[in-house]
Amino acid sequence: MKGQPGICVVTLAHTHPILQDGRTIKSINYQISNGCSRLKNKVSGKSKRGGQFLTDYAPLCRITCTDETEYTIYSCIRGRLLEVNESILETPSLLLEKPSTEGYIAVILPKFEESKSITENLLSRDQFESLVSKRTLPQTQPF
């Protein structure tokens, strides 16, 4: 989801299995590896110096459900991590109840020189829903 110009807010898509399958969230962990915690991300100043740099495939967090299913949520965008939503650590139900607002996962600032191409290539909600619905349509085999 695009926020203010150039800012991207990472949320769970309403089609994500956590939201679709009626799962209950047990825990959310921003500790990606022994040496990398998204909670230790610190930005400062107008140019947001110090934020962790993320690649498209950088994990943001891991969500574990009560049935022990674990999902890794990726940034999908190259840029600086501005913040993670610590509120969902104490109240994981925000991800289920308000995934597009208070249950957001992170805020990312794309690299300035790439921000226009990144945000232009993002899908709107309607485009995303159309794409997902095509994935779930039964495939017919030619005879």
N, C-alpha and C. Protein backbone atom coordinates (compact mmCIF):
# COMPACT_ATOMS: atom_id res chain seq x y z
N MET A 1 0.85 -1.17 0.00
CA MET A 1 0.00 0.00 0.00
C MET A 1 0.90 1.23 0.00
N LYS A 2 0.56 2.22 -0.85
CA LYS A 2 1.32 3.46 -0.89
C LYS A 2 0.71 4.45 0.08
N GLY A 3 1.58 5.11 0.85
CA GLY A 3 1.12 6.13 1.78
C GLY A 3 1.44 7.49 1.21
N GLN A 4 2.07 8.34 2.02
CA GLN A 4 2.50 9.65 1.55
C GLN A 4 3.42 9.43 0.35
N PRO A 5 3.60 10.45 -0.48
CA PRO A 5 4.42 10.27 -1.68
C PRO A 5 5.76 9.61 -1.35
N GLY A 6 6.01 8.49 -2.01
CA GLY A 6 7.28 7.80 -1.84
C GLY A 6 7.33 6.84 -0.67
N ILE A 7 6.38 6.89 0.25
CA ILE A 7 6.39 6.01 1.42
C ILE A 7 5.53 4.79 1.12
N CYS A 8 6.02 3.61 1.48
CA CYS A 8 5.25 2.38 1.28
C CYS A 8 4.97 1.73 2.63
N VAL A 9 3.73 1.36 2.84
CA VAL A 9 3.31 0.70 4.07
C VAL A 9 3.07 -0.77 3.74
N VAL A 10 3.75 -1.65 4.46
CA VAL A 10 3.62 -3.09 4.23
C VAL A 10 2.52 -3.62 5.15
N THR A 11 1.55 -4.29 4.54
CA THR A 11 0.44 -4.88 5.28
C THR A 11 0.23 -6.31 4.79
N LEU A 12 -0.59 -7.06 5.50
CA LEU A 12 -1.00 -8.37 4.99
C LEU A 12 -2.11 -8.14 3.97
N ALA A 13 -1.98 -8.77 2.82
CA ALA A 13 -3.06 -8.70 1.83
C ALA A 13 -4.27 -9.42 2.40
N HIS A 14 -5.45 -8.94 2.07
CA HIS A 14 -6.66 -9.60 2.59
C HIS A 14 -6.79 -11.03 2.07
N THR A 15 -5.99 -11.39 1.06
CA THR A 15 -6.00 -12.75 0.53
C THR A 15 -4.95 -13.64 1.18
N HIS A 16 -4.17 -13.10 2.10
CA HIS A 16 -3.12 -13.90 2.76
C HIS A 16 -3.78 -15.03 3.55
N PRO A 17 -3.16 -16.22 3.56
CA PRO A 17 -3.74 -17.37 4.27
C PRO A 17 -4.06 -17.10 5.74
N ILE A 18 -3.29 -16.25 6.39
CA ILE A 18 -3.59 -15.94 7.80
C ILE A 18 -4.98 -15.32 7.93
N LEU A 19 -5.33 -14.46 6.98
CA LEU A 19 -6.63 -13.79 7.03
C LEU A 19 -7.74 -14.64 6.41
N GLN A 20 -7.38 -15.47 5.44
CA GLN A 20 -8.38 -16.26 4.74
C GLN A 20 -8.81 -17.52 5.49
N ASP A 21 -7.88 -18.14 6.18
CA ASP A 21 -8.13 -19.45 6.77
C ASP A 21 -8.56 -19.41 8.23
N GLY A 22 -8.87 -18.22 8.74
CA GLY A 22 -9.36 -18.11 10.10
C GLY A 22 -8.35 -18.52 11.15
N ARG A 23 -7.08 -18.29 10.87
CA ARG A 23 -6.03 -18.67 11.82
C ARG A 23 -5.99 -17.70 12.99
N THR A 24 -5.38 -18.15 14.08
CA THR A 24 -5.14 -17.30 15.24
C THR A 24 -3.63 -17.11 15.35
N ILE A 25 -3.20 -15.87 15.53
CA ILE A 25 -1.77 -15.57 15.61
C ILE A 25 -1.28 -15.82 17.02
N LYS A 26 -0.22 -16.60 17.10
CA LYS A 26 0.41 -16.91 18.39
C LYS A 26 1.50 -15.89 18.70
N SER A 27 2.35 -15.58 17.69
CA SER A 27 3.44 -14.64 17.93
C SER A 27 3.90 -14.00 16.63
N ILE A 28 4.53 -12.84 16.79
CA ILE A 28 5.15 -12.12 15.68
C ILE A 28 6.57 -11.83 16.12
N ASN A 29 7.53 -12.12 15.24
CA ASN A 29 8.93 -11.96 15.60
C ASN A 29 9.65 -11.14 14.54
N TYR A 30 10.20 -10.01 14.95
CA TYR A 30 10.99 -9.17 14.05
C TYR A 30 12.48 -9.55 14.09
N GLN A 31 12.85 -10.57 14.86
CA GLN A 31 14.23 -11.06 14.92
C GLN A 31 14.43 -11.97 13.72
N ILE A 32 15.14 -11.49 12.71
CA ILE A 32 15.29 -12.21 11.45
C ILE A 32 16.37 -13.27 11.54
N SER A 33 17.46 -12.95 12.20
CA SER A 33 18.56 -13.89 12.41
C SER A 33 19.27 -13.49 13.70
N ASN A 34 20.31 -14.22 14.06
CA ASN A 34 21.03 -13.88 15.29
C ASN A 34 21.54 -12.45 15.29
N GLY A 35 21.97 -11.96 14.14
CA GLY A 35 22.54 -10.62 14.09
C GLY A 35 21.62 -9.55 13.53
N CYS A 36 20.38 -9.89 13.25
CA CYS A 36 19.50 -8.92 12.59
C CYS A 36 18.11 -8.91 13.21
N SER A 37 17.81 -7.79 13.88
CA SER A 37 16.47 -7.59 14.41
C SER A 37 15.91 -6.31 13.82
N ARG A 38 14.74 -6.38 13.23
CA ARG A 38 14.11 -5.18 12.68
C ARG A 38 13.71 -4.21 13.80
N LEU A 39 13.60 -4.71 15.03
CA LEU A 39 13.28 -3.83 16.16
C LEU A 39 14.43 -2.88 16.49
N LYS A 40 15.64 -3.23 16.09
CA LYS A 40 16.80 -2.38 16.38
C LYS A 40 17.02 -1.33 15.31
N ASN A 41 16.10 -1.21 14.39
CA ASN A 41 16.18 -0.21 13.33
C ASN A 41 16.02 1.18 13.93
N LYS A 42 16.97 2.07 13.69
CA LYS A 42 16.90 3.44 14.20
C LYS A 42 17.15 4.41 13.05
N VAL A 43 16.20 5.29 12.81
CA VAL A 43 16.38 6.31 11.79
C VAL A 43 16.42 7.68 12.45
N SER A 44 17.12 8.61 11.80
CA SER A 44 17.20 9.95 12.36
C SER A 44 17.30 10.98 11.24
N GLY A 45 16.87 12.16 11.55
CA GLY A 45 17.01 13.29 10.63
C GLY A 45 16.01 13.29 9.50
N LYS A 46 16.05 14.38 8.77
CA LYS A 46 15.13 14.60 7.66
C LYS A 46 15.31 13.56 6.56
N SER A 47 16.57 13.13 6.35
CA SER A 47 16.83 12.17 5.28
C SER A 47 16.73 10.73 5.76
N LYS A 48 16.28 10.52 7.00
CA LYS A 48 16.04 9.19 7.56
C LYS A 48 17.30 8.31 7.53
N ARG A 49 18.40 8.91 7.98
CA ARG A 49 19.67 8.17 8.04
C ARG A 49 19.59 7.06 9.07
N GLY A 50 20.32 6.00 8.78
CA GLY A 50 20.46 4.92 9.75
C GLY A 50 19.47 3.79 9.62
N GLY A 51 18.45 3.96 8.81
CA GLY A 51 17.47 2.88 8.64
C GLY A 51 18.10 1.70 7.94
N GLN A 52 17.70 0.51 8.33
CA GLN A 52 18.22 -0.70 7.69
C GLN A 52 17.82 -0.69 6.22
N PHE A 53 18.77 -1.06 5.35
CA PHE A 53 18.46 -1.14 3.92
C PHE A 53 17.88 -2.51 3.63
N LEU A 54 16.78 -2.52 2.90
CA LEU A 54 16.09 -3.77 2.57
C LEU A 54 16.14 -4.02 1.08
N THR A 55 16.29 -5.28 0.71
CA THR A 55 16.14 -5.68 -0.69
C THR A 55 14.70 -6.15 -0.88
N ASP A 56 14.35 -6.47 -2.10
CA ASP A 56 12.99 -6.94 -2.40
C ASP A 56 12.63 -8.18 -1.57
N TYR A 57 13.62 -9.02 -1.34
CA TYR A 57 13.36 -10.31 -0.68
C TYR A 57 13.79 -10.33 0.78
N ALA A 58 13.97 -9.17 1.37
CA ALA A 58 14.39 -9.11 2.78
C ALA A 58 13.21 -9.46 3.68
N PRO A 59 13.40 -10.42 4.59
CA PRO A 59 12.33 -10.73 5.53
C PRO A 59 12.13 -9.59 6.52
N LEU A 60 10.89 -9.26 6.80
CA LEU A 60 10.56 -8.23 7.79
C LEU A 60 10.23 -8.84 9.13
N CYS A 61 9.45 -9.91 9.10
CA CYS A 61 9.06 -10.57 10.35
C CYS A 61 8.59 -11.98 10.05
N ARG A 62 8.43 -12.74 11.11
CA ARG A 62 7.87 -14.08 11.02
C ARG A 62 6.62 -14.13 11.90
N ILE A 63 5.57 -14.64 11.34
CA ILE A 63 4.31 -14.76 12.07
C ILE A 63 4.03 -16.24 12.30
N THR A 64 3.84 -16.61 13.56
CA THR A 64 3.52 -18.00 13.90
C THR A 64 2.09 -18.05 14.39
N CYS A 65 1.34 -19.00 13.86
CA CYS A 65 -0.06 -19.18 14.25
C CYS A 65 -0.16 -20.26 15.31
N THR A 66 -1.30 -20.36 15.95
CA THR A 66 -1.48 -21.33 17.03
C THR A 66 -1.40 -22.77 16.53
N ASP A 67 -1.61 -22.99 15.23
CA ASP A 67 -1.45 -24.35 14.69
C ASP A 67 0.00 -24.63 14.28
N GLU A 68 0.91 -23.71 14.68
CA GLU A 68 2.36 -23.79 14.44
C GLU A 68 2.75 -23.52 12.98
N THR A 69 1.81 -23.10 12.15
CA THR A 69 2.15 -22.67 10.81
C THR A 69 2.91 -21.35 10.93
N GLU A 70 4.02 -21.24 10.19
CA GLU A 70 4.83 -20.02 10.26
C GLU A 70 4.90 -19.38 8.88
N TYR A 71 4.74 -18.07 8.86
CA TYR A 71 4.81 -17.30 7.62
C TYR A 71 5.90 -16.24 7.76
N THR A 72 6.77 -16.16 6.76
CA THR A 72 7.76 -15.08 6.71
C THR A 72 7.19 -14.00 5.80
N ILE A 73 7.17 -12.78 6.31
CA ILE A 73 6.66 -11.65 5.54
C ILE A 73 7.86 -10.88 5.00
N TYR A 74 7.89 -10.69 3.68
CA TYR A 74 9.01 -10.04 3.01
C TYR A 74 8.67 -8.59 2.65
N SER A 75 9.73 -7.79 2.48
CA SER A 75 9.52 -6.37 2.18
C SER A 75 8.93 -6.16 0.79
N CYS A 76 9.39 -6.92 -0.20
CA CYS A 76 8.95 -6.80 -1.60
C CYS A 76 9.35 -5.47 -2.24
N ILE A 77 10.06 -4.62 -1.51
CA ILE A 77 10.47 -3.31 -2.01
C ILE A 77 11.89 -3.02 -1.53
N ARG A 78 12.72 -2.47 -2.44
CA ARG A 78 14.06 -2.05 -2.04
C ARG A 78 13.96 -0.66 -1.43
N GLY A 79 14.56 -0.49 -0.26
CA GLY A 79 14.54 0.83 0.36
C GLY A 79 14.95 0.78 1.81
N ARG A 80 14.76 1.89 2.50
CA ARG A 80 15.11 1.99 3.92
C ARG A 80 13.91 1.70 4.79
N LEU A 81 14.15 0.89 5.81
CA LEU A 81 13.11 0.59 6.78
C LEU A 81 12.97 1.80 7.70
N LEU A 82 11.81 2.43 7.69
CA LEU A 82 11.59 3.60 8.54
C LEU A 82 11.07 3.18 9.91
N GLU A 83 10.16 2.22 9.93
CA GLU A 83 9.64 1.76 11.22
C GLU A 83 8.96 0.41 11.07
N VAL A 84 8.91 -0.29 12.18
CA VAL A 84 8.10 -1.50 12.28
C VAL A 84 6.99 -1.21 13.29
N ASN A 85 5.91 -1.91 13.17
CA ASN A 85 4.77 -1.69 14.05
C ASN A 85 4.91 -2.56 15.29
N GLU A 86 5.40 -1.96 16.36
CA GLU A 86 5.59 -2.70 17.61
C GLU A 86 4.26 -3.01 18.30
N SER A 87 3.20 -2.31 17.93
CA SER A 87 1.89 -2.55 18.54
C SER A 87 1.39 -3.97 18.27
N ILE A 88 1.76 -4.53 17.11
CA ILE A 88 1.27 -5.87 16.80
C ILE A 88 1.98 -6.95 17.61
N LEU A 89 3.11 -6.60 18.24
CA LEU A 89 3.78 -7.57 19.11
C LEU A 89 2.93 -7.85 20.35
N GLU A 90 2.36 -6.80 20.91
CA GLU A 90 1.53 -6.94 22.11
C GLU A 90 0.08 -7.28 21.78
N THR A 91 -0.37 -6.86 20.61
CA THR A 91 -1.75 -7.11 20.21
C THR A 91 -1.76 -7.70 18.79
N PRO A 92 -1.38 -8.97 18.64
CA PRO A 92 -1.32 -9.58 17.30
C PRO A 92 -2.67 -9.58 16.58
N SER A 93 -3.75 -9.50 17.32
CA SER A 93 -5.08 -9.51 16.69
C SER A 93 -5.29 -8.30 15.77
N LEU A 94 -4.48 -7.24 15.93
CA LEU A 94 -4.58 -6.08 15.03
C LEU A 94 -4.33 -6.50 13.58
N LEU A 95 -3.44 -7.48 13.38
CA LEU A 95 -3.18 -7.98 12.03
C LEU A 95 -4.43 -8.60 11.42
N LEU A 96 -5.23 -9.23 12.24
CA LEU A 96 -6.45 -9.88 11.76
C LEU A 96 -7.61 -8.91 11.65
N GLU A 97 -7.73 -8.03 12.63
CA GLU A 97 -8.89 -7.15 12.70
C GLU A 97 -8.74 -5.87 11.87
N LYS A 98 -7.52 -5.34 11.79
CA LYS A 98 -7.29 -4.08 11.08
C LYS A 98 -6.01 -4.16 10.26
N PRO A 99 -5.92 -5.13 9.32
CA PRO A 99 -4.66 -5.35 8.60
C PRO A 99 -4.20 -4.17 7.74
N SER A 100 -5.12 -3.34 7.29
CA SER A 100 -4.73 -2.22 6.41
C SER A 100 -4.48 -0.92 7.16
N THR A 101 -4.75 -0.89 8.46
CA THR A 101 -4.55 0.35 9.21
C THR A 101 -3.64 0.09 10.41
N GLU A 102 -4.21 -0.07 11.59
CA GLU A 102 -3.41 -0.24 12.80
C GLU A 102 -2.62 -1.54 12.82
N GLY A 103 -2.97 -2.50 11.97
CA GLY A 103 -2.27 -3.77 11.92
C GLY A 103 -1.21 -3.83 10.83
N TYR A 104 -0.70 -2.67 10.41
CA TYR A 104 0.37 -2.67 9.40
C TYR A 104 1.62 -3.33 9.97
N ILE A 105 2.53 -3.76 9.10
CA ILE A 105 3.74 -4.46 9.53
C ILE A 105 4.94 -3.53 9.58
N ALA A 106 5.12 -2.73 8.53
CA ALA A 106 6.30 -1.86 8.47
C ALA A 106 6.06 -0.71 7.50
N VAL A 107 6.93 0.30 7.60
CA VAL A 107 6.93 1.44 6.69
C VAL A 107 8.31 1.51 6.05
N ILE A 108 8.32 1.59 4.72
CA ILE A 108 9.57 1.58 3.95
C ILE A 108 9.63 2.81 3.06
N LEU A 109 10.82 3.40 2.98
CA LEU A 109 11.07 4.51 2.08
C LEU A 109 11.93 3.98 0.94
N PRO A 110 11.37 3.85 -0.28
CA PRO A 110 12.18 3.36 -1.40
C PRO A 110 13.33 4.32 -1.69
N LYS A 111 14.40 3.77 -2.30
CA LYS A 111 15.52 4.62 -2.71
C LYS A 111 14.97 5.72 -3.61
N PHE A 112 15.43 6.96 -3.40
CA PHE A 112 14.89 8.11 -4.11
C PHE A 112 14.89 7.89 -5.62
N GLU A 113 16.04 7.45 -6.16
CA GLU A 113 16.15 7.30 -7.61
C GLU A 113 15.29 6.15 -8.14
N GLU A 114 14.83 5.27 -7.27
CA GLU A 114 14.00 4.14 -7.70
C GLU A 114 12.53 4.32 -7.29
N SER A 115 12.25 5.32 -6.46
CA SER A 115 10.91 5.41 -5.87
C SER A 115 9.80 5.55 -6.91
N LYS A 116 10.04 6.33 -7.95
CA LYS A 116 8.99 6.52 -8.96
C LYS A 116 8.69 5.21 -9.67
N SER A 117 9.73 4.50 -10.11
CA SER A 117 9.48 3.24 -10.83
C SER A 117 8.88 2.19 -9.90
N ILE A 118 9.29 2.18 -8.63
CA ILE A 118 8.74 1.21 -7.67
C ILE A 118 7.26 1.48 -7.45
N THR A 119 6.92 2.72 -7.14
CA THR A 119 5.52 3.01 -6.83
C THR A 119 4.63 2.93 -8.07
N GLU A 120 5.18 3.23 -9.26
CA GLU A 120 4.38 3.11 -10.48
C GLU A 120 4.03 1.66 -10.77
N ASN A 121 4.91 0.74 -10.36
CA ASN A 121 4.69 -0.68 -10.64
C ASN A 121 3.88 -1.40 -9.57
N LEU A 122 3.53 -0.70 -8.49
CA LEU A 122 2.68 -1.33 -7.47
C LEU A 122 1.26 -1.45 -8.00
N LEU A 123 0.59 -2.49 -7.59
CA LEU A 123 -0.79 -2.70 -8.01
C LEU A 123 -1.74 -1.98 -7.07
N SER A 124 -2.82 -1.48 -7.63
CA SER A 124 -3.88 -0.94 -6.79
C SER A 124 -4.59 -2.13 -6.15
N ARG A 125 -5.44 -1.87 -5.18
CA ARG A 125 -6.18 -2.96 -4.53
C ARG A 125 -7.03 -3.73 -5.55
N ASP A 126 -7.71 -2.99 -6.46
CA ASP A 126 -8.54 -3.65 -7.47
C ASP A 126 -7.71 -4.51 -8.41
N GLN A 127 -6.53 -3.99 -8.84
CA GLN A 127 -5.66 -4.76 -9.71
C GLN A 127 -5.17 -6.03 -9.01
N PHE A 128 -4.82 -5.89 -7.73
CA PHE A 128 -4.34 -7.03 -6.96
C PHE A 128 -5.44 -8.09 -6.82
N GLU A 129 -6.65 -7.64 -6.50
CA GLU A 129 -7.77 -8.58 -6.35
C GLU A 129 -8.06 -9.30 -7.66
N SER A 130 -7.95 -8.59 -8.77
CA SER A 130 -8.17 -9.21 -10.07
C SER A 130 -7.10 -10.27 -10.35
N LEU A 131 -5.86 -9.95 -10.04
CA LEU A 131 -4.76 -10.89 -10.24
C LEU A 131 -4.94 -12.14 -9.38
N VAL A 132 -5.27 -11.95 -8.12
CA VAL A 132 -5.46 -13.08 -7.21
C VAL A 132 -6.64 -13.94 -7.63
N SER A 133 -7.72 -13.30 -8.09
CA SER A 133 -8.89 -14.09 -8.49
C SER A 133 -8.57 -14.96 -9.70
N LYS A 134 -7.70 -14.49 -10.59
CA LYS A 134 -7.29 -15.30 -11.75
C LYS A 134 -6.47 -16.50 -11.30
N ARG A 135 -5.68 -16.33 -10.25
CA ARG A 135 -4.87 -17.44 -9.74
C ARG A 135 -5.74 -18.55 -9.16
N THR A 136 -6.88 -18.18 -8.60
CA THR A 136 -7.71 -19.16 -7.91
C THR A 136 -8.79 -19.77 -8.80
N LEU A 137 -8.91 -19.30 -10.04
CA LEU A 137 -9.88 -19.89 -10.95
C LEU A 137 -9.42 -21.28 -11.35
N PRO A 138 -10.35 -22.24 -11.46
CA PRO A 138 -9.95 -23.58 -11.88
C PRO A 138 -9.43 -23.54 -13.31
N GLN A 139 -8.36 -24.26 -13.55
CA GLN A 139 -7.76 -24.32 -14.88
C GLN A 139 -8.46 -25.41 -15.68
N THR A 140 -8.84 -25.09 -16.91
CA THR A 140 -9.45 -26.10 -17.76
C THR A 140 -8.38 -26.64 -18.69
N GLN A 141 -8.46 -27.91 -18.95
CA GLN A 141 -7.49 -28.57 -19.82
C GLN A 141 -8.09 -28.72 -21.22
N PRO A 142 -7.34 -28.36 -22.26
CA PRO A 142 -7.86 -28.56 -23.62
C PRO A 142 -7.92 -30.06 -23.93
N PHE A 143 -8.92 -30.46 -24.72
CA PHE A 143 -9.06 -31.89 -25.07
C PHE A 143 -8.49 -32.15 -26.42
